[in-house]
Amino acid sequence: MGSPATKHAMFQEHEDQVKKVFRSIENIANKHNVPHKLERLNKPEKPGEAIIKAAEQQDVHLIIVGSRGMGTIRRTIMGSVSDYIMHHSHVPVVVCKHEDEHHKLK
């Protein structure tokens, strides 16, 4: 599965990507004076459940999530976090399509 150094390097690369995305979102939201809170959830429960729970605890007004662009069969078998959130949220949900899915919208 790789050496500890390789695993650490992969983890660090992932962390750097997450920080870059968060900075980009922060910059855009601040530029347009959009009140927001970015939070990375590392919880023991399933991701959809953790997001719904955090949204309820923080009394949010909107949830924005991404979509990885899984196909119908794969999504049915594996489940979809964005689908779970849409069906369990008590606030509006915006699902941003993965860039690979944009060609299907044309």
PDB file of N, CA and C in Angstrom:
ATOM      1  N   MET A   1       0.815  -1.193   0.000  1.00  0.00           N
ATOM      2  CA  MET A   1       0.000   0.000   0.000  1.00  0.00           C
ATOM      3  C   MET A   1       0.859   1.259   0.000  1.00  0.00           C
ATOM      4  N   GLY A   2       2.173   1.087   0.038  1.00  0.00           N
ATOM      5  CA  GLY A   2       3.050   2.241  -0.012  1.00  0.00           C
ATOM      6  C   GLY A   2       3.713   2.525   1.321  1.00  0.00           C
ATOM      7  N   SER A   3       4.816   3.203   1.245  1.00  0.00           N
ATOM      8  CA  SER A   3       5.573   3.530   2.450  1.00  0.00           C
ATOM      9  C   SER A   3       4.873   4.643   3.228  1.00  0.00           C
ATOM     10  N   PRO A   4       5.204   4.773   4.513  1.00  0.00           N
ATOM     11  CA  PRO A   4       4.629   5.884   5.294  1.00  0.00           C
ATOM     12  C   PRO A   4       4.939   7.249   4.681  1.00  0.00           C
ATOM     13  N   ALA A   5       6.114   7.388   4.104  1.00  0.00           N
ATOM     14  CA  ALA A   5       6.479   8.670   3.486  1.00  0.00           C
ATOM     15  C   ALA A   5       5.591   8.965   2.270  1.00  0.00           C
ATOM     16  N   THR A   6       5.303   7.929   1.487  1.00  0.00           N
ATOM     17  CA  THR A   6       4.438   8.094   0.320  1.00  0.00           C
ATOM     18  C   THR A   6       3.019   8.452   0.751  1.00  0.00           C
ATOM     19  N   LYS A   7       2.522   7.755   1.770  1.00  0.00           N
ATOM     20  CA  LYS A   7       1.187   8.051   2.290  1.00  0.00           C
ATOM     21  C   LYS A   7       1.106   9.478   2.816  1.00  0.00           C
ATOM     22  N   HIS A   8       2.150   9.883   3.534  1.00  0.00           N
ATOM     23  CA  HIS A   8       2.175  11.246   4.079  1.00  0.00           C
ATOM     24  C   HIS A   8       2.179  12.272   2.944  1.00  0.00           C
ATOM     25  N   ALA A   9       2.956  12.010   1.904  1.00  0.00           N
ATOM     26  CA  ALA A   9       3.018  12.937   0.769  1.00  0.00           C
ATOM     27  C   ALA A   9       1.661  13.042   0.068  1.00  0.00           C
ATOM     28  N   MET A  10       0.973  11.902  -0.085  1.00  0.00           N
ATOM     29  CA  MET A  10      -0.350  11.905  -0.706  1.00  0.00           C
ATOM     30  C   MET A  10      -1.349  12.659   0.163  1.00  0.00           C
ATOM     31  N   PHE A  11      -1.285  12.425   1.465  1.00  0.00           N
ATOM     32  CA  PHE A  11      -2.172  13.118   2.391  1.00  0.00           C
ATOM     33  C   PHE A  11      -1.923  14.620   2.335  1.00  0.00           C
ATOM     34  N   GLN A  12      -0.657  15.019   2.323  1.00  0.00           N
ATOM     35  CA  GLN A  12      -0.307  16.438   2.283  1.00  0.00           C
ATOM     36  C   GLN A  12      -0.786  17.085   0.987  1.00  0.00           C
ATOM     37  N   GLU A  13      -0.672  16.362  -0.123  1.00  0.00           N
ATOM     38  CA  GLU A  13      -1.150  16.882  -1.405  1.00  0.00           C
ATOM     39  C   GLU A  13      -2.661  17.106  -1.356  1.00  0.00           C
ATOM     40  N   HIS A  14      -3.389  16.158  -0.770  1.00  0.00           N
ATOM     41  CA  HIS A  14      -4.837  16.291  -0.620  1.00  0.00           C
ATOM     42  C   HIS A  14      -5.167  17.490   0.273  1.00  0.00           C
ATOM     43  N   GLU A  15      -4.470  17.628   1.379  1.00  0.00           N
ATOM     44  CA  GLU A  15      -4.691  18.756   2.291  1.00  0.00           C
ATOM     45  C   GLU A  15      -4.449  20.089   1.580  1.00  0.00           C
ATOM     46  N   ASP A  16      -3.412  20.152   0.790  1.00  0.00           N
ATOM     47  CA  ASP A  16      -3.107  21.373   0.042  1.00  0.00           C
ATOM     48  C   ASP A  16      -4.224  21.709  -0.944  1.00  0.00           C
ATOM     49  N   GLN A  17      -4.784  20.689  -1.603  1.00  0.00           N
ATOM     50  CA  GLN A  17      -5.888  20.906  -2.534  1.00  0.00           C
ATOM     51  C   GLN A  17      -7.124  21.425  -1.805  1.00  0.00           C
ATOM     52  N   VAL A  18      -7.420  20.841  -0.642  1.00  0.00           N
ATOM     53  CA  VAL A  18      -8.573  21.284   0.148  1.00  0.00           C
ATOM     54  C   VAL A  18      -8.395  22.741   0.562  1.00  0.00           C
ATOM     55  N   LYS A  19      -7.221  23.097   1.044  1.00  0.00           N
ATOM     56  CA  LYS A  19      -6.951  24.478   1.458  1.00  0.00           C
ATOM     57  C   LYS A  19      -7.094  25.446   0.286  1.00  0.00           C
ATOM     58  N   LYS A  20      -6.640  25.029  -0.890  1.00  0.00           N
ATOM     59  CA  LYS A  20      -6.746  25.882  -2.086  1.00  0.00           C
ATOM     60  C   LYS A  20      -8.210  26.118  -2.435  1.00  0.00           C
ATOM     61  N   VAL A  21      -9.025  25.068  -2.399  1.00  0.00           N
ATOM     62  CA  VAL A  21     -10.451  25.207  -2.702  1.00  0.00           C
ATOM     63  C   VAL A  21     -11.124  26.104  -1.671  1.00  0.00           C
ATOM     64  N   PHE A  22     -10.821  25.892  -0.391  1.00  0.00           N
ATOM     65  CA  PHE A  22     -11.412  26.721   0.664  1.00  0.00           C
ATOM     66  C   PHE A  22     -11.025  28.184   0.494  1.00  0.00           C
ATOM     67  N   ARG A  23      -9.758  28.467   0.160  1.00  0.00           N
ATOM     68  CA  ARG A  23      -9.326  29.855  -0.060  1.00  0.00           C
ATOM     69  C   ARG A  23     -10.094  30.482  -1.216  1.00  0.00           C
ATOM     70  N   SER A  24     -10.272  29.718  -2.279  1.00  0.00           N
ATOM     71  CA  SER A  24     -10.987  30.220  -3.444  1.00  0.00           C
ATOM     72  C   SER A  24     -12.437  30.564  -3.093  1.00  0.00           C
ATOM     73  N   ILE A  25     -13.105  29.663  -2.367  1.00  0.00           N
ATOM     74  CA  ILE A  25     -14.489  29.915  -1.957  1.00  0.00           C
ATOM     75  C   ILE A  25     -14.551  31.114  -1.021  1.00  0.00           C
ATOM     76  N   GLU A  26     -13.637  31.196  -0.075  1.00  0.00           N
ATOM     77  CA  GLU A  26     -13.579  32.334   0.855  1.00  0.00           C
ATOM     78  C   GLU A  26     -13.454  33.648   0.092  1.00  0.00           C
ATOM     79  N   ASN A  27     -12.551  33.681  -0.871  1.00  0.00           N
ATOM     80  CA  ASN A  27     -12.327  34.905  -1.640  1.00  0.00           C
ATOM     81  C   ASN A  27     -13.571  35.333  -2.405  1.00  0.00           C
ATOM     82  N   ILE A  28     -14.223  34.385  -3.057  1.00  0.00           N
ATOM     83  CA  ILE A  28     -15.426  34.704  -3.833  1.00  0.00           C
ATOM     84  C   ILE A  28     -16.549  35.172  -2.910  1.00  0.00           C
ATOM     85  N   ALA A  29     -16.773  34.447  -1.808  1.00  0.00           N
ATOM     86  CA  ALA A  29     -17.848  34.820  -0.873  1.00  0.00           C
ATOM     87  C   ALA A  29     -17.594  36.197  -0.271  1.00  0.00           C
ATOM     88  N   ASN A  30     -16.357  36.445   0.141  1.00  0.00           N
ATOM     89  CA  ASN A  30     -16.033  37.745   0.733  1.00  0.00           C
ATOM     90  C   ASN A  30     -16.157  38.875  -0.284  1.00  0.00           C
ATOM     91  N   LYS A  31     -15.744  38.611  -1.519  1.00  0.00           N
ATOM     92  CA  LYS A  31     -15.833  39.621  -2.581  1.00  0.00           C
ATOM     93  C   LYS A  31     -17.275  40.072  -2.784  1.00  0.00           C
ATOM     94  N   HIS A  32     -18.210  39.137  -2.629  1.00  0.00           N
ATOM     95  CA  HIS A  32     -19.625  39.441  -2.863  1.00  0.00           C
ATOM     96  C   HIS A  32     -20.419  39.612  -1.567  1.00  0.00           C
ATOM     97  N   ASN A  33     -19.681  39.774  -0.459  1.00  0.00           N
ATOM     98  CA  ASN A  33     -20.301  39.992   0.855  1.00  0.00           C
ATOM     99  C   ASN A  33     -21.348  38.929   1.214  1.00  0.00           C
ATOM    100  N   VAL A  34     -21.024  37.681   0.943  1.00  0.00           N
ATOM    101  CA  VAL A  34     -21.926  36.570   1.254  1.00  0.00           C
ATOM    102  C   VAL A  34     -21.537  35.996   2.615  1.00  0.00           C
ATOM    103  N   PRO A  35     -22.434  36.125   3.603  1.00  0.00           N
ATOM    104  CA  PRO A  35     -22.142  35.500   4.898  1.00  0.00           C
ATOM    105  C   PRO A  35     -22.066  33.981   4.704  1.00  0.00           C
ATOM    106  N   HIS A  36     -21.050  33.358   5.239  1.00  0.00           N
ATOM    107  CA  HIS A  36     -20.856  31.935   5.010  1.00  0.00           C
ATOM    108  C   HIS A  36     -19.986  31.323   6.098  1.00  0.00           C
ATOM    109  N   LYS A  37     -19.997  30.025   6.134  1.00  0.00           N
ATOM    110  CA  LYS A  37     -19.086  29.279   7.006  1.00  0.00           C
ATOM    111  C   LYS A  37     -18.676  28.031   6.260  1.00  0.00           C
ATOM    112  N   LEU A  38     -17.393  27.879   6.074  1.00  0.00           N
ATOM    113  CA  LEU A  38     -16.846  26.670   5.468  1.00  0.00           C
ATOM    114  C   LEU A  38     -16.386  25.769   6.600  1.00  0.00           C
ATOM    115  N   GLU A  39     -16.777  24.529   6.513  1.00  0.00           N
ATOM    116  CA  GLU A  39     -16.366  23.603   7.561  1.00  0.00           C
ATOM    117  C   GLU A  39     -16.051  22.255   6.945  1.00  0.00           C
ATOM    118  N   ARG A  40     -14.927  21.725   7.302  1.00  0.00           N
ATOM    119  CA  ARG A  40     -14.551  20.389   6.856  1.00  0.00           C
ATOM    120  C   ARG A  40     -14.943  19.425   7.965  1.00  0.00           C
ATOM    121  N   LEU A  41     -15.830  18.512   7.641  1.00  0.00           N
ATOM    122  CA  LEU A  41     -16.341  17.583   8.645  1.00  0.00           C
ATOM    123  C   LEU A  41     -15.602  16.251   8.581  1.00  0.00           C
ATOM    124  N   ASN A  42     -14.997  15.888   9.660  1.00  0.00           N
ATOM    125  CA  ASN A  42     -14.371  14.573   9.809  1.00  0.00           C
ATOM    126  C   ASN A  42     -15.050  13.904  10.995  1.00  0.00           C
ATOM    127  N   LYS A  43     -16.236  13.413  10.755  1.00  0.00           N
ATOM    128  CA  LYS A  43     -17.057  12.854  11.819  1.00  0.00           C
ATOM    129  C   LYS A  43     -17.166  11.343  11.639  1.00  0.00           C
ATOM    130  N   PRO A  44     -17.494  10.630  12.736  1.00  0.00           N
ATOM    131  CA  PRO A  44     -17.642   9.180  12.619  1.00  0.00           C
ATOM    132  C   PRO A  44     -18.889   8.752  11.853  1.00  0.00           C
ATOM    133  N   GLU A  45     -19.926   9.607  11.815  1.00  0.00           N
ATOM    134  CA  GLU A  45     -21.131   9.222  11.091  1.00  0.00           C
ATOM    135  C   GLU A  45     -20.931   9.402   9.589  1.00  0.00           C
ATOM    136  N   LYS A  46     -21.890   8.933   8.826  1.00  0.00           N
ATOM    137  CA  LYS A  46     -21.820   9.057   7.374  1.00  0.00           C
ATOM    138  C   LYS A  46     -21.808  10.534   6.990  1.00  0.00           C
ATOM    139  N   PRO A  47     -21.167  10.879   5.854  1.00  0.00           N
ATOM    140  CA  PRO A  47     -21.032  12.288   5.471  1.00  0.00           C
ATOM    141  C   PRO A  47     -22.361  13.049   5.390  1.00  0.00           C
ATOM    142  N   GLY A  48     -23.362  12.474   4.758  1.00  0.00           N
ATOM    143  CA  GLY A  48     -24.652  13.154   4.638  1.00  0.00           C
ATOM    144  C   GLY A  48     -25.265  13.442   5.990  1.00  0.00           C
ATOM    145  N   GLU A  49     -25.211  12.451   6.875  1.00  0.00           N
ATOM    146  CA  GLU A  49     -25.746  12.625   8.227  1.00  0.00           C
ATOM    147  C   GLU A  49     -24.991  13.712   8.981  1.00  0.00           C
ATOM    148  N   ALA A  50     -23.656  13.726   8.837  1.00  0.00           N
ATOM    149  CA  ALA A  50     -22.835  14.726   9.525  1.00  0.00           C
ATOM    150  C   ALA A  50     -23.162  16.135   9.033  1.00  0.00           C
ATOM    151  N   ILE A  51     -23.385  16.276   7.731  1.00  0.00           N
ATOM    152  CA  ILE A  51     -23.691  17.595   7.170  1.00  0.00           C
ATOM    153  C   ILE A  51     -25.057  18.078   7.646  1.00  0.00           C
ATOM    154  N   ILE A  52     -26.042  17.196   7.627  1.00  0.00           N
ATOM    155  CA  ILE A  52     -27.384  17.569   8.108  1.00  0.00           C
ATOM    156  C   ILE A  52     -27.327  17.961   9.584  1.00  0.00           C
ATOM    157  N   LYS A  53     -26.623  17.185  10.377  1.00  0.00           N
ATOM    158  CA  LYS A  53     -26.498  17.459  11.814  1.00  0.00           C
ATOM    159  C   LYS A  53     -25.817  18.814  12.053  1.00  0.00           C
ATOM    160  N   ALA A  54     -24.722  19.066  11.336  1.00  0.00           N
ATOM    161  CA  ALA A  54     -23.998  20.339  11.488  1.00  0.00           C
ATOM    162  C   ALA A  54     -24.882  21.512  11.056  1.00  0.00           C
ATOM    163  N   ALA A  55     -25.638  21.335   9.975  1.00  0.00           N
ATOM    164  CA  ALA A  55     -26.521  22.406   9.489  1.00  0.00           C
ATOM    165  C   ALA A  55     -27.604  22.728  10.519  1.00  0.00           C
ATOM    166  N   GLU A  56     -28.151  21.693  11.149  1.00  0.00           N
ATOM    167  CA  GLU A  56     -29.177  21.921  12.174  1.00  0.00           C
ATOM    168  C   GLU A  56     -28.582  22.599  13.403  1.00  0.00           C
ATOM    169  N   GLN A  57     -27.394  22.172  13.829  1.00  0.00           N
ATOM    170  CA  GLN A  57     -26.752  22.746  15.014  1.00  0.00           C
ATOM    171  C   GLN A  57     -26.381  24.212  14.793  1.00  0.00           C
ATOM    172  N   GLN A  58     -26.039  24.558  13.560  1.00  0.00           N
ATOM    173  CA  GLN A  58     -25.588  25.913  13.269  1.00  0.00           C
ATOM    174  C   GLN A  58     -26.706  26.795  12.705  1.00  0.00           C
ATOM    175  N   ASP A  59     -27.907  26.247  12.608  1.00  0.00           N
ATOM    176  CA  ASP A  59     -29.074  26.991  12.139  1.00  0.00           C
ATOM    177  C   ASP A  59     -28.805  27.685  10.804  1.00  0.00           C
ATOM    178  N   VAL A  60     -28.301  26.921   9.843  1.00  0.00           N
ATOM    179  CA  VAL A  60     -27.981  27.487   8.533  1.00  0.00           C
ATOM    180  C   VAL A  60     -29.247  27.745   7.731  1.00  0.00           C
ATOM    181  N   HIS A  61     -29.127  28.581   6.718  1.00  0.00           N
ATOM    182  CA  HIS A  61     -30.260  28.929   5.867  1.00  0.00           C
ATOM    183  C   HIS A  61     -30.163  28.279   4.487  1.00  0.00           C
ATOM    184  N   LEU A  62     -28.983  27.735   4.157  1.00  0.00           N
ATOM    185  CA  LEU A  62     -28.763  27.141   2.845  1.00  0.00           C
ATOM    186  C   LEU A  62     -27.573  26.193   2.939  1.00  0.00           C
ATOM    187  N   ILE A  63     -27.667  25.071   2.262  1.00  0.00           N
ATOM    188  CA  ILE A  63     -26.538  24.133   2.167  1.00  0.00           C
ATOM    189  C   ILE A  63     -26.124  24.065   0.698  1.00  0.00           C
ATOM    190  N   ILE A  64     -24.841  24.226   0.450  1.00  0.00           N
ATOM    191  CA  ILE A  64     -24.308  24.092  -0.903  1.00  0.00           C
ATOM    192  C   ILE A  64     -23.347  22.914  -0.894  1.00  0.00           C
ATOM    193  N   VAL A  65     -23.605  21.945  -1.771  1.00  0.00           N
ATOM    194  CA  VAL A  65     -22.756  20.755  -1.852  1.00  0.00           C
ATOM    195  C   VAL A  65     -22.358  20.513  -3.293  1.00  0.00           C
ATOM    196  N   GLY A  66     -21.319  19.749  -3.467  1.00  0.00           N
ATOM    197  CA  GLY A  66     -20.875  19.367  -4.801  1.00  0.00           C
ATOM    198  C   GLY A  66     -21.400  17.999  -5.170  1.00  0.00           C
ATOM    199  N   SER A  67     -21.269  17.682  -6.430  1.00  0.00           N
ATOM    200  CA  SER A  67     -21.641  16.377  -6.946  1.00  0.00           C
ATOM    201  C   SER A  67     -20.428  15.815  -7.662  1.00  0.00           C
ATOM    202  N   ARG A  68     -20.115  14.549  -7.395  1.00  0.00           N
ATOM    203  CA  ARG A  68     -18.950  13.942  -8.031  1.00  0.00           C
ATOM    204  C   ARG A  68     -19.248  13.432  -9.429  1.00  0.00           C
ATOM    205  N   GLY A  69     -20.499  13.468  -9.821  1.00  0.00           N
ATOM    206  CA  GLY A  69     -20.839  13.059 -11.178  1.00  0.00           C
ATOM    207  C   GLY A  69     -20.882  11.554 -11.377  1.00  0.00           C
ATOM    208  N   MET A  70     -21.287  10.804 -10.359  1.00  0.00           N
ATOM    209  CA  MET A  70     -21.406   9.363 -10.515  1.00  0.00           C
ATOM    210  C   MET A  70     -22.587   9.046 -11.430  1.00  0.00           C
ATOM    211  N   GLY A  71     -22.497   7.949 -12.106  1.00  0.00           N
ATOM    212  CA  GLY A  71     -23.604   7.517 -12.955  1.00  0.00           C
ATOM    213  C   GLY A  71     -24.757   6.986 -12.116  1.00  0.00           C
ATOM    214  N   THR A  72     -25.875   6.758 -12.768  1.00  0.00           N
ATOM    215  CA  THR A  72     -27.088   6.330 -12.077  1.00  0.00           C
ATOM    216  C   THR A  72     -26.898   5.005 -11.341  1.00  0.00           C
ATOM    217  N   ILE A  73     -26.316   4.029 -11.993  1.00  0.00           N
ATOM    218  CA  ILE A  73     -26.142   2.716 -11.364  1.00  0.00           C
ATOM    219  C   ILE A  73     -25.198   2.809 -10.178  1.00  0.00           C
ATOM    220  N   ARG A  74     -24.078   3.458 -10.364  1.00  0.00           N
ATOM    221  CA  ARG A  74     -23.110   3.592  -9.270  1.00  0.00           C
ATOM    222  C   ARG A  74     -23.709   4.354  -8.090  1.00  0.00           C
ATOM    223  N   ARG A  75     -24.439   5.425  -8.381  1.00  0.00           N
ATOM    224  CA  ARG A  75     -25.070   6.224  -7.331  1.00  0.00           C
ATOM    225  C   ARG A  75     -26.112   5.393  -6.581  1.00  0.00           C
ATOM    226  N   THR A  76     -26.852   4.558  -7.299  1.00  0.00           N
ATOM    227  CA  THR A  76     -27.866   3.711  -6.677  1.00  0.00           C
ATOM    228  C   THR A  76     -27.219   2.696  -5.744  1.00  0.00           C
ATOM    229  N   ILE A  77     -26.121   2.120  -6.156  1.00  0.00           N
ATOM    230  CA  ILE A  77     -25.441   1.110  -5.335  1.00  0.00           C
ATOM    231  C   ILE A  77     -24.708   1.748  -4.163  1.00  0.00           C
ATOM    232  N   MET A  78     -23.944   2.788  -4.424  1.00  0.00           N
ATOM    233  CA  MET A  78     -23.096   3.393  -3.393  1.00  0.00           C
ATOM    234  C   MET A  78     -23.832   4.431  -2.555  1.00  0.00           C
ATOM    235  N   GLY A  79     -24.871   5.006  -3.099  1.00  0.00           N
ATOM    236  CA  GLY A  79     -25.522   6.106  -2.411  1.00  0.00           C
ATOM    237  C   GLY A  79     -24.865   7.415  -2.790  1.00  0.00           C
ATOM    238  N   SER A  80     -25.564   8.481  -2.574  1.00  0.00           N
ATOM    239  CA  SER A  80     -25.072   9.801  -2.938  1.00  0.00           C
ATOM    240  C   SER A  80     -25.243  10.729  -1.751  1.00  0.00           C
ATOM    241  N   VAL A  81     -24.171  11.375  -1.354  1.00  0.00           N
ATOM    242  CA  VAL A  81     -24.231  12.318  -0.233  1.00  0.00           C
ATOM    243  C   VAL A  81     -25.158  13.472  -0.579  1.00  0.00           C
ATOM    244  N   SER A  82     -25.016  14.031  -1.786  1.00  0.00           N
ATOM    245  CA  SER A  82     -25.867  15.161  -2.153  1.00  0.00           C
ATOM    246  C   SER A  82     -27.336  14.747  -2.205  1.00  0.00           C
ATOM    247  N   ASP A  83     -27.619  13.538  -2.679  1.00  0.00           N
ATOM    248  CA  ASP A  83     -28.992  13.043  -2.714  1.00  0.00           C
ATOM    249  C   ASP A  83     -29.550  12.889  -1.294  1.00  0.00           C
ATOM    250  N   TYR A  84     -28.731  12.354  -0.395  1.00  0.00           N
ATOM    251  CA  TYR A  84     -29.151  12.205   1.001  1.00  0.00           C
ATOM    252  C   TYR A  84     -29.484  13.576   1.604  1.00  0.00           C
ATOM    253  N   ILE A  85     -28.608  14.543   1.360  1.00  0.00           N
ATOM    254  CA  ILE A  85     -28.803  15.887   1.919  1.00  0.00           C
ATOM    255  C   ILE A  85     -30.084  16.506   1.366  1.00  0.00           C
ATOM    256  N   MET A  86     -30.317  16.367   0.065  1.00  0.00           N
ATOM    257  CA  MET A  86     -31.525  16.946  -0.528  1.00  0.00           C
ATOM    258  C   MET A  86     -32.789  16.364   0.099  1.00  0.00           C
ATOM    259  N   HIS A  87     -32.768  15.097   0.431  1.00  0.00           N
ATOM    260  CA  HIS A  87     -33.969  14.449   0.958  1.00  0.00           C
ATOM    261  C   HIS A  87     -34.134  14.571   2.468  1.00  0.00           C
ATOM    262  N   HIS A  88     -33.091  14.988   3.179  1.00  0.00           N
ATOM    263  CA  HIS A  88     -33.176  15.065   4.635  1.00  0.00           C
ATOM    264  C   HIS A  88     -33.021  16.473   5.197  1.00  0.00           C
ATOM    265  N   SER A  89     -32.672  17.423   4.350  1.00  0.00           N
ATOM    266  CA  SER A  89     -32.465  18.796   4.816  1.00  0.00           C
ATOM    267  C   SER A  89     -33.796  19.518   5.012  1.00  0.00           C
ATOM    268  N   HIS A  90     -33.813  20.380   6.017  1.00  0.00           N
ATOM    269  CA  HIS A  90     -34.986  21.221   6.262  1.00  0.00           C
ATOM    270  C   HIS A  90     -34.765  22.641   5.743  1.00  0.00           C
ATOM    271  N   VAL A  91     -33.636  22.841   5.043  1.00  0.00           N
ATOM    272  CA  VAL A  91     -33.346  24.127   4.412  1.00  0.00           C
ATOM    273  C   VAL A  91     -33.049  23.871   2.936  1.00  0.00           C
ATOM    274  N   PRO A  92     -33.097  24.898   2.099  1.00  0.00           N
ATOM    275  CA  PRO A  92     -32.788  24.704   0.680  1.00  0.00           C
ATOM    276  C   PRO A  92     -31.369  24.160   0.475  1.00  0.00           C
ATOM    277  N   VAL A  93     -31.219  23.358  -0.566  1.00  0.00           N
ATOM    278  CA  VAL A  93     -29.930  22.746  -0.909  1.00  0.00           C
ATOM    279  C   VAL A  93     -29.602  23.077  -2.360  1.00  0.00           C
ATOM    280  N   VAL A  94     -28.375  23.535  -2.587  1.00  0.00           N
ATOM    281  CA  VAL A  94     -27.880  23.773  -3.941  1.00  0.00           C
ATOM    282  C   VAL A  94     -26.824  22.717  -4.212  1.00  0.00           C
ATOM    283  N   VAL A  95     -26.996  21.953  -5.303  1.00  0.00           N
ATOM    284  CA  VAL A  95     -26.026  20.934  -5.687  1.00  0.00           C
ATOM    285  C   VAL A  95     -25.278  21.438  -6.907  1.00  0.00           C
ATOM    286  N   CYS A  96     -23.978  21.606  -6.760  1.00  0.00           N
ATOM    287  CA  CYS A  96     -23.127  22.067  -7.862  1.00  0.00           C
ATOM    288  C   CYS A  96     -22.600  20.850  -8.606  1.00  0.00           C
ATOM    289  N   LYS A  97     -22.904  20.769  -9.878  1.00  0.00           N
ATOM    290  CA  LYS A  97     -22.475  19.638 -10.697  1.00  0.00           C
ATOM    291  C   LYS A  97     -20.958  19.614 -10.821  1.00  0.00           C
ATOM    292  N   HIS A  98     -20.414  18.408 -10.873  1.00  0.00           N
ATOM    293  CA  HIS A  98     -18.993  18.207 -11.121  1.00  0.00           C
ATOM    294  C   HIS A  98     -18.701  18.664 -12.543  1.00  0.00           C
ATOM    295  N   GLU A  99     -17.526  19.215 -12.781  1.00  0.00           N
ATOM    296  CA  GLU A  99     -17.223  19.770 -14.099  1.00  0.00           C
ATOM    297  C   GLU A  99     -17.337  18.729 -15.216  1.00  0.00           C
ATOM    298  N   ASP A 100     -17.139  17.440 -14.907  1.00  0.00           N
ATOM    299  CA  ASP A 100     -17.288  16.389 -15.923  1.00  0.00           C
ATOM    300  C   ASP A 100     -18.739  16.232 -16.353  1.00  0.00           C
ATOM    301  N   GLU A 101     -19.676  16.710 -15.563  1.00  0.00           N
ATOM    302  CA  GLU A 101     -21.100  16.580 -15.864  1.00  0.00           C
ATOM    303  C   GLU A 101     -21.623  17.733 -16.722  1.00  0.00           C
ATOM    304  N   HIS A 102     -20.856  18.813 -16.861  1.00  0.00           N
ATOM    305  CA  HIS A 102     -21.347  19.992 -17.580  1.00  0.00           C
ATOM    306  C   HIS A 102     -21.667  19.700 -19.038  1.00  0.00           C
ATOM    307  N   HIS A 103     -20.904  18.818 -19.678  1.00  0.00           N
ATOM    308  CA  HIS A 103     -21.168  18.528 -21.090  1.00  0.00           C
ATOM    309  C   HIS A 103     -22.528  17.860 -21.272  1.00  0.00           C
ATOM    310  N   LYS A 104     -23.048  17.197 -20.253  1.00  0.00           N
ATOM    311  CA  LYS A 104     -24.351  16.542 -20.333  1.00  0.00           C
ATOM    312  C   LYS A 104     -25.497  17.546 -20.274  1.00  0.00           C
ATOM    313  N   LEU A 105     -25.211  18.756 -19.795  1.00  0.00           N
ATOM    314  CA  LEU A 105     -26.253  19.768 -19.648  1.00  0.00           C
ATOM    315  C   LEU A 105     -26.505  20.544 -20.941  1.00  0.00           C
ATOM    316  N   LYS A 106     -25.635  20.391 -21.918  1.00  0.00           N
ATOM    317  CA  LYS A 106     -25.756  21.161 -23.175  1.00  0.00           C
ATOM    318  C   LYS A 106     -26.716  20.495 -24.130  1.00  0.00           C
TER     319      LYS A 106
END
